[in-house]
C-alpha atoms as a PDB file:
ATOM      1  CA  MET A   1      34.820 -62.212 -11.881  1.00  0.00           C
ATOM      2  CA  GLU A   2      34.937 -59.270  -9.484  1.00  0.00           C
ATOM      3  CA  SER A   3      31.793 -57.139  -9.303  1.00  0.00           C
ATOM      4  CA  LYS A   4      32.303 -53.405  -8.864  1.00  0.00           C
ATOM      5  CA  THR A   5      29.555 -50.892  -8.192  1.00  0.00           C
ATOM      6  CA  ARG A   6      28.896 -48.881 -11.333  1.00  0.00           C
ATOM      7  CA  ALA A   7      29.517 -45.162 -10.965  1.00  0.00           C
ATOM      8  CA  GLY A   8      26.388 -43.265  -9.952  1.00  0.00           C
ATOM      9  CA  HIS A   9      24.476 -46.416  -9.063  1.00  0.00           C
ATOM     10  CA  ARG A  10      23.536 -47.635  -5.621  1.00  0.00           C
ATOM     11  CA  GLY A  11      20.836 -49.597  -3.852  1.00  0.00           C
ATOM     12  CA  THR A  12      19.587 -49.993  -0.307  1.00  0.00           C
ATOM     13  CA  GLY A  13      17.644 -52.695   1.476  1.00  0.00           C
ATOM     14  CA  PRO A  14      18.105 -56.265   2.712  1.00  0.00           C
ATOM     15  CA  GLY A  15      20.015 -58.856   0.712  1.00  0.00           C
ATOM     16  CA  ALA A  16      22.373 -58.695  -2.229  1.00  0.00           C
ATOM     17  CA  ILE A  17      22.620 -55.518  -4.307  1.00  0.00           C
ATOM     18  CA  THR A  18      23.983 -55.740  -7.865  1.00  0.00           C
ATOM     19  CA  PRO A  19      26.676 -53.435  -9.310  1.00  0.00           C
ATOM     20  CA  ASP A  20      23.981 -51.217 -10.866  1.00  0.00           C
ATOM     21  CA  GLY A  21      21.992 -50.954  -7.636  1.00  0.00           C
ATOM     22  CA  CYS A  22      19.314 -53.618  -8.194  1.00  0.00           C
ATOM     23  CA  ALA A  23      18.110 -55.518  -5.141  1.00  0.00           C
ATOM     24  CA  VAL A  24      18.036 -59.227  -5.940  1.00  0.00           C
ATOM     25  CA  GLU A  25      15.128 -59.847  -3.560  1.00  0.00           C
ATOM     26  CA  VAL A  26      13.028 -57.232  -5.365  1.00  0.00           C
ATOM     27  CA  TYR A  27      13.769 -58.563  -8.833  1.00  0.00           C
ATOM     28  CA  ALA A  28      12.937 -62.074  -7.675  1.00  0.00           C
ATOM     29  CA  ARG A  29       9.463 -60.816  -6.700  1.00  0.00           C
ATOM     30  CA  LEU A  30       8.613 -58.679  -9.734  1.00  0.00           C
ATOM     31  CA  SER A  31       5.625 -59.897 -11.717  1.00  0.00           C
ATOM     32  CA  VAL A  32       5.914 -60.895 -15.345  1.00  0.00           C
ATOM     33  CA  GLY A  33       4.606 -58.187 -17.657  1.00  0.00           C
ATOM     34  CA  PRO A  34       3.887 -58.275 -21.398  1.00  0.00           C
ATOM     35  CA  GLU A  35       7.495 -59.010 -22.383  1.00  0.00           C
ATOM     36  CA  PRO A  36       7.049 -62.745 -23.124  1.00  0.00           C
ATOM     37  CA  ASP A  37       4.135 -61.971 -25.451  1.00  0.00           C
ATOM     38  CA  ILE A  38       6.145 -59.259 -27.223  1.00  0.00           C
ATOM     39  CA  VAL A  39       9.127 -61.546 -27.707  1.00  0.00           C
ATOM     40  CA  GLU A  40       7.029 -64.478 -28.851  1.00  0.00           C
ATOM     41  CA  ALA A  41       5.382 -62.335 -31.532  1.00  0.00           C
ATOM     42  CA  ALA A  42       8.733 -61.057 -32.837  1.00  0.00           C
ATOM     43  CA  VAL A  43      10.881 -64.193 -33.153  1.00  0.00           C
ATOM     44  CA  PRO A  44      10.410 -67.679 -34.652  1.00  0.00           C
ATOM     45  CA  ALA A  45       8.978 -70.452 -32.499  1.00  0.00           C
ATOM     46  CA  GLY A  46      11.670 -72.340 -30.620  1.00  0.00           C
ATOM     47  CA  ALA A  47      14.317 -69.680 -31.270  1.00  0.00           C
ATOM     48  CA  HIS A  48      17.533 -69.620 -29.269  1.00  0.00           C
ATOM     49  CA  ILE A  49      17.526 -66.297 -27.425  1.00  0.00           C
ATOM     50  CA  LEU A  50      20.501 -64.568 -25.827  1.00  0.00           C
ATOM     51  CA  GLU A  51      19.026 -62.596 -22.924  1.00  0.00           C
ATOM     52  CA  LEU A  52      21.374 -59.828 -21.857  1.00  0.00           C
ATOM     53  CA  GLY A  53      20.753 -58.655 -18.294  1.00  0.00           C
ATOM     54  CA  CYS A  54      18.436 -61.502 -17.312  1.00  0.00           C
ATOM     55  CA  GLY A  55      18.255 -60.588 -13.628  1.00  0.00           C
ATOM     56  CA  ALA A  56      16.504 -63.211 -11.529  1.00  0.00           C
ATOM     57  CA  GLY A  57      14.786 -64.797 -14.530  1.00  0.00           C
ATOM     58  CA  ARG A  58      11.519 -62.866 -14.542  1.00  0.00           C
ATOM     59  CA  VAL A  59      11.313 -63.080 -18.348  1.00  0.00           C
ATOM     60  CA  THR A  60      13.637 -66.044 -18.758  1.00  0.00           C
ATOM     61  CA  HIS A  61      11.307 -68.523 -17.127  1.00  0.00           C
ATOM     62  CA  PRO A  62       8.172 -67.662 -19.160  1.00  0.00           C
ATOM     63  CA  LEU A  63      10.224 -67.836 -22.371  1.00  0.00           C
ATOM     64  CA  LEU A  64      11.448 -71.300 -21.418  1.00  0.00           C
ATOM     65  CA  ASP A  65       7.854 -72.328 -20.706  1.00  0.00           C
ATOM     66  CA  ARG A  66       6.932 -71.243 -24.255  1.00  0.00           C
ATOM     67  CA  GLY A  67       9.509 -73.508 -25.837  1.00  0.00           C
ATOM     68  CA  PHE A  68      12.378 -71.086 -26.416  1.00  0.00           C
ATOM     69  CA  THR A  69      15.987 -71.929 -25.591  1.00  0.00           C
ATOM     70  CA  VAL A  70      17.551 -69.166 -23.511  1.00  0.00           C
ATOM     71  CA  THR A  71      21.141 -68.326 -22.710  1.00  0.00           C
ATOM     72  CA  ALA A  72      20.860 -65.926 -19.779  1.00  0.00           C
ATOM     73  CA  VAL A  73      23.602 -63.386 -19.047  1.00  0.00           C
ATOM     74  CA  ASP A  74      24.015 -61.203 -15.980  1.00  0.00           C
ATOM     75  CA  GLU A  75      26.956 -59.731 -14.083  1.00  0.00           C
ATOM     76  CA  SER A  76      25.421 -60.629 -10.704  1.00  0.00           C
ATOM     77  CA  ALA A  77      26.082 -64.124  -9.381  1.00  0.00           C
ATOM     78  CA  GLU A  78      23.238 -63.655  -6.901  1.00  0.00           C
ATOM     79  CA  MET A  79      20.786 -62.900  -9.719  1.00  0.00           C
ATOM     80  CA  LEU A  80      21.922 -65.936 -11.717  1.00  0.00           C
ATOM     81  CA  GLU A  81      21.381 -68.192  -8.700  1.00  0.00           C
ATOM     82  CA  ARG A  82      17.631 -67.512  -9.110  1.00  0.00           C
ATOM     83  CA  VAL A  83      17.533 -68.607 -12.774  1.00  0.00           C
ATOM     84  CA  ARG A  84      16.306 -72.143 -13.469  1.00  0.00           C
ATOM     85  CA  GLY A  85      16.315 -74.180 -16.667  1.00  0.00           C
ATOM     86  CA  ALA A  86      18.496 -71.888 -18.772  1.00  0.00           C
ATOM     87  CA  ARG A  87      22.181 -71.872 -19.529  1.00  0.00           C
ATOM     88  CA  THR A  88      23.616 -69.016 -17.470  1.00  0.00           C
ATOM     89  CA  ILE A  89      26.733 -66.935 -18.047  1.00  0.00           C
ATOM     90  CA  ARG A  90      28.120 -64.408 -15.607  1.00  0.00           C
ATOM     91  CA  SER A  91      29.542 -61.422 -17.449  1.00  0.00           C
ATOM     92  CA  ALA A  92      29.166 -57.705 -17.860  1.00  0.00           C
ATOM     93  CA  ILE A  93      27.144 -57.338 -21.043  1.00  0.00           C
ATOM     94  CA  GLU A  94      29.604 -55.024 -22.760  1.00  0.00           C
ATOM     95  CA  ASP A  95      32.429 -57.546 -22.184  1.00  0.00           C
ATOM     96  CA  LEU A  96      30.594 -60.615 -23.478  1.00  0.00           C
ATOM     97  CA  ALA A  97      32.252 -62.411 -26.410  1.00  0.00           C
ATOM     98  CA  LEU A  98      30.858 -65.894 -26.986  1.00  0.00           C
ATOM     99  CA  PRO A  99      32.018 -68.094 -29.886  1.00  0.00           C
ATOM    100  CA  GLU A 100      28.468 -68.441 -31.192  1.00  0.00           C
ATOM    101  CA  THR A 101      25.506 -66.472 -32.476  1.00  0.00           C
ATOM    102  CA  PHE A 102      21.798 -66.547 -31.666  1.00  0.00           C
ATOM    103  CA  ASP A 103      18.460 -66.305 -33.443  1.00  0.00           C
ATOM    104  CA  ALA A 104      17.569 -63.340 -31.253  1.00  0.00           C
ATOM    105  CA  VAL A 105      19.432 -61.125 -28.815  1.00  0.00           C
ATOM    106  CA  MET A 106      17.382 -59.343 -26.167  1.00  0.00           C
ATOM    107  CA  LEU A 107      18.443 -56.141 -24.393  1.00  0.00           C
ATOM    108  CA  ALA A 108      15.562 -55.302 -22.043  1.00  0.00           C
ATOM    109  CA  SER A 109      15.165 -53.239 -18.851  1.00  0.00           C
ATOM    110  CA  CYS A 110      15.892 -50.006 -20.771  1.00  0.00           C
ATOM    111  CA  LEU A 111      19.615 -50.743 -20.496  1.00  0.00           C
ATOM    112  CA  VAL A 112      20.157 -48.899 -23.770  1.00  0.00           C
ATOM    113  CA  HIS A 113      19.503 -45.678 -21.778  1.00  0.00           C
ATOM    114  CA  THR A 114      22.611 -46.108 -19.626  1.00  0.00           C
ATOM    115  CA  GLY A 115      24.121 -42.773 -18.727  1.00  0.00           C
ATOM    116  CA  ASP A 116      27.556 -43.861 -19.946  1.00  0.00           C
ATOM    117  CA  THR A 117      27.717 -43.440 -23.724  1.00  0.00           C
ATOM    118  CA  GLU A 118      30.680 -45.799 -24.043  1.00  0.00           C
ATOM    119  CA  VAL A 119      28.848 -48.503 -22.108  1.00  0.00           C
ATOM    120  CA  ARG A 120      25.843 -48.076 -24.405  1.00  0.00           C
ATOM    121  CA  ARG A 121      28.099 -48.517 -27.413  1.00  0.00           C
ATOM    122  CA  GLY A 122      29.492 -51.647 -25.787  1.00  0.00           C
ATOM    123  CA  LEU A 123      26.020 -53.042 -25.153  1.00  0.00           C
ATOM    124  CA  LEU A 124      25.008 -52.554 -28.769  1.00  0.00           C
ATOM    125  CA  ARG A 125      28.279 -53.994 -30.074  1.00  0.00           C
ATOM    126  CA  THR A 126      27.597 -57.099 -27.996  1.00  0.00           C
ATOM    127  CA  CYS A 127      24.157 -57.377 -29.576  1.00  0.00           C
ATOM    128  CA  VAL A 128      25.599 -57.136 -33.084  1.00  0.00           C
ATOM    129  CA  ARG A 129      28.428 -59.538 -32.288  1.00  0.00           C
ATOM    130  CA  HIS A 130      26.039 -62.273 -31.171  1.00  0.00           C
ATOM    131  CA  VAL A 131      23.085 -62.061 -33.565  1.00  0.00           C
ATOM    132  CA  ALA A 132      22.985 -64.743 -36.258  1.00  0.00           C
ATOM    133  CA  GLU A 133      22.528 -64.029 -39.944  1.00  0.00           C
ATOM    134  CA  GLY A 134      18.820 -63.483 -40.451  1.00  0.00           C
ATOM    135  CA  GLY A 135      18.332 -62.931 -36.723  1.00  0.00           C
ATOM    136  CA  CYS A 136      17.150 -59.903 -34.776  1.00  0.00           C
ATOM    137  CA  VAL A 137      17.857 -57.773 -31.737  1.00  0.00           C
ATOM    138  CA  LEU A 138      14.980 -56.894 -29.401  1.00  0.00           C
ATOM    139  CA  ILE A 139      15.520 -53.701 -27.413  1.00  0.00           C
ATOM    140  CA  GLN A 140      13.364 -52.114 -24.724  1.00  0.00           C
ATOM    141  CA  ARG A 141      13.310 -48.304 -24.536  1.00  0.00           C
ATOM    142  CA  GLU A 142      11.971 -45.859 -21.981  1.00  0.00           C
ATOM    143  CA  THR A 143       8.607 -44.228 -22.517  1.00  0.00           C
ATOM    144  CA  ALA A 144       8.753 -40.743 -24.030  1.00  0.00           C
ATOM    145  CA  ASP A 145       7.855 -39.105 -20.688  1.00  0.00           C
ATOM    146  CA  ALA A 146       9.973 -41.315 -18.423  1.00  0.00           C
ATOM    147  CA  HIS A 147      12.140 -38.379 -17.296  1.00  0.00           C
ATOM    148  CA  THR A 148       9.330 -35.840 -16.933  1.00  0.00           C
ATOM    149  CA  ASP A 149       6.351 -37.745 -15.493  1.00  0.00           C
ATOM    150  CA  VAL A 150       7.700 -37.654 -11.945  1.00  0.00           C
ATOM    151  CA  PRO A 151       6.877 -38.665  -9.334  1.00  0.00           C
ATOM    152  CA  ARG A 152       4.846 -41.636 -10.519  1.00  0.00           C
ATOM    153  CA  GLU A 153       4.024 -45.056  -9.176  1.00  0.00           C
ATOM    154  CA  ARG A 154       2.278 -48.276 -10.054  1.00  0.00           C
ATOM    155  CA  LEU A 155       1.087 -51.276  -8.126  1.00  0.00           C
ATOM    156  CA  ASP A 156       2.813 -54.495  -9.086  1.00  0.00           C
ATOM    157  CA  PRO A 157       0.354 -57.425  -9.258  1.00  0.00           C
ATOM    158  CA  ALA A 158       2.459 -59.126  -6.587  1.00  0.00           C
ATOM    159  CA  GLY A 159       1.178 -56.520  -4.127  1.00  0.00           C
ATOM    160  CA  PHE A 160       3.878 -53.888  -3.759  1.00  0.00           C
ATOM    161  CA  THR A 161       4.378 -50.368  -5.100  1.00  0.00           C
ATOM    162  CA  ILE A 162       7.037 -49.358  -7.598  1.00  0.00           C
ATOM    163  CA  ARG A 163       7.654 -45.624  -7.384  1.00  0.00           C
ATOM    164  CA  ILE A 164       9.890 -43.341  -9.424  1.00  0.00           C
ATOM    165  CA  ALA A 165      10.444 -40.801  -6.691  1.00  0.00           C
ATOM    166  CA  SER A 166      12.744 -38.331  -8.445  1.00  0.00           C
ATOM    167  CA  VAL A 167      14.664 -37.576 -11.625  1.00  0.00           C
ATOM    168  CA  GLU A 168      17.393 -34.969 -11.242  1.00  0.00           C
ATOM    169  CA  PRO A 169      19.996 -33.639 -13.712  1.00  0.00           C
ATOM    170  CA  ASP A 170      23.416 -35.199 -13.226  1.00  0.00           C
ATOM    171  CA  GLY A 171      25.340 -33.434 -15.987  1.00  0.00           C
ATOM    172  CA  ASP A 172      26.048 -34.076 -19.677  1.00  0.00           C
ATOM    173  CA  GLY A 173      22.415 -34.812 -20.491  1.00  0.00           C
ATOM    174  CA  VAL A 174      22.203 -37.594 -17.909  1.00  0.00           C
ATOM    175  CA  ASP A 175      19.646 -37.802 -15.108  1.00  0.00           C
ATOM    176  CA  ARG A 176      19.945 -39.416 -11.694  1.00  0.00           C
ATOM    177  CA  VAL A 177      16.833 -41.519 -11.096  1.00  0.00           C
ATOM    178  CA  ARG A 178      15.664 -42.747  -7.701  1.00  0.00           C
ATOM    179  CA  ALA A 179      13.297 -45.703  -7.611  1.00  0.00           C
ATOM    180  CA  GLU A 180      11.557 -47.077  -4.523  1.00  0.00           C
ATOM    181  CA  TYR A 181      10.071 -50.540  -4.098  1.00  0.00           C
ATOM    182  CA  VAL A 182       7.606 -50.367  -1.244  1.00  0.00           C
ATOM    183  CA  PHE A 183       6.534 -53.654   0.326  1.00  0.00           C
ATOM    184  CA  PRO A 184       4.264 -53.977   3.372  1.00  0.00           C
ATOM    185  CA  GLU A 185       7.196 -55.045   5.523  1.00  0.00           C
ATOM    186  CA  ARG A 186      10.164 -53.137   4.023  1.00  0.00           C
ATOM    187  CA  VAL A 187      11.407 -50.708   1.369  1.00  0.00           C
ATOM    188  CA  TRP A 188      14.220 -51.083  -1.132  1.00  0.00           C
ATOM    189  CA  THR A 189      15.657 -48.220  -3.185  1.00  0.00           C
ATOM    190  CA  GLN A 190      17.734 -47.966  -6.339  1.00  0.00           C
ATOM    191  CA  THR A 191      19.538 -44.921  -7.710  1.00  0.00           C
ATOM    192  CA  PHE A 192      20.835 -45.098 -11.260  1.00  0.00           C
ATOM    193  CA  ARG A 193      21.954 -42.861 -14.120  1.00  0.00           C
ATOM    194  CA  SER A 194      19.802 -42.709 -17.246  1.00  0.00           C
ATOM    195  CA  ARG A 195      20.096 -40.765 -20.483  1.00  0.00           C
ATOM    196  CA  ALA A 196      16.888 -39.724 -22.237  1.00  0.00           C
ATOM    197  CA  LEU A 197      16.992 -40.571 -25.938  1.00  0.00           C
ATOM    198  CA  THR A 198      14.607 -39.233 -28.549  1.00  0.00           C
ATOM    199  CA  ARG A 199      13.545 -41.610 -31.290  1.00  0.00           C
ATOM    200  CA  GLU A 200      16.056 -39.935 -33.597  1.00  0.00           C
ATOM    201  CA  GLN A 201      18.885 -40.236 -31.060  1.00  0.00           C
ATOM    202  CA  PHE A 202      18.029 -43.864 -30.398  1.00  0.00           C
ATOM    203  CA  GLU A 203      17.981 -44.754 -34.087  1.00  0.00           C
ATOM    204  CA  SER A 204      21.262 -42.887 -34.588  1.00  0.00           C
ATOM    205  CA  ALA A 205      22.868 -44.935 -31.799  1.00  0.00           C
ATOM    206  CA  LEU A 206      21.655 -48.123 -33.477  1.00  0.00           C
ATOM    207  CA  GLY A 207      23.044 -46.980 -36.801  1.00  0.00           C
ATOM    208  CA  GLU A 208      26.429 -46.267 -35.264  1.00  0.00           C
ATOM    209  CA  ALA A 209      26.502 -49.871 -34.019  1.00  0.00           C
ATOM    210  CA  GLY A 210      25.470 -51.332 -37.366  1.00  0.00           C
ATOM    211  CA  LEU A 211      21.787 -51.866 -36.605  1.00  0.00           C
ATOM    212  CA  ARG A 212      18.581 -50.435 -38.020  1.00  0.00           C
ATOM    213  CA  VAL A 213      15.000 -50.512 -36.814  1.00  0.00           C
ATOM    214  CA  ASP A 214      12.999 -53.235 -38.527  1.00  0.00           C
ATOM    215  CA  ARG A 215       9.808 -52.224 -36.725  1.00  0.00           C
ATOM    216  CA  TYR A 216       8.477 -50.905 -33.447  1.00  0.00           C
ATOM    217  CA  LEU A 217       6.669 -53.698 -31.634  1.00  0.00           C
ATOM    218  CA  THR A 218       4.433 -51.716 -29.289  1.00  0.00           C
ATOM    219  CA  GLU A 219       2.199 -48.694 -29.725  1.00  0.00           C
ATOM    220  CA  ASP A 220       4.285 -46.640 -27.313  1.00  0.00           C
ATOM    221  CA  GLU A 221       7.462 -47.629 -29.235  1.00  0.00           C
ATOM    222  CA  THR A 222       9.150 -48.958 -26.106  1.00  0.00           C
ATOM    223  CA  TRP A 223       9.955 -52.297 -27.751  1.00  0.00           C
ATOM    224  CA  VAL A 224      11.925 -52.412 -30.969  1.00  0.00           C
ATOM    225  CA  ARG A 225      12.924 -55.164 -33.359  1.00  0.00           C
ATOM    226  CA  ALA A 226      16.263 -54.234 -34.916  1.00  0.00           C
ATOM    227  CA  VAL A 227      18.352 -56.042 -37.516  1.00  0.00           C
ATOM    228  CA  PRO A 228      21.949 -55.723 -38.690  1.00  0.00           C
ATOM    229  CA  VAL A 229      22.581 -53.306 -41.531  1.00  0.00           C
ATOM    230  CA  THR A 230      23.455 -55.309 -44.621  1.00  0.00           C
END
């Protein structure tokens, strides 16, 4: 599989950079947040989870530790090299077509906000294609002020700063976002295209793909449990 840089995406810094501008070294160092708790509360114990866009396994590994079976998908071979204990598949998410379905499909990292509407449709079609009857799709959204609360930063528990340095219009309702990952010894950057989606726009996109919101899993509505429309 040949990896091509996605239009409008780039990254800088030492080591491998993925097609959407992610630095593998950075993602290998990111701390685990609340995601494993959110997933565990939303799916049955021991569920088989299809994790779309697994990166270096930041969430994969805690899910495995909690007794879930995980099939981890990413388009970056360098990211997948960091994943341990899970079945791994190298593929662009929108192109994935496995001959099986899963108890839960997870689309995290706010990938649903991709600036390319056709890619977003492809991502959601992949979710629908792979969720088992009675299963669910877990989707992470941006916060409501993600495109307006800029600049902003937070300290990762691992000891480095994650900064959203700028958000600038890039045409057709899409913004160009620049993120900086500031470590004591070096800095990585990522520039990517993101489309803000209101709750109504998000739910409309789900409906177009054949999904509906079952419930919002977090108070800020950034995590959603969706199910196929029957």
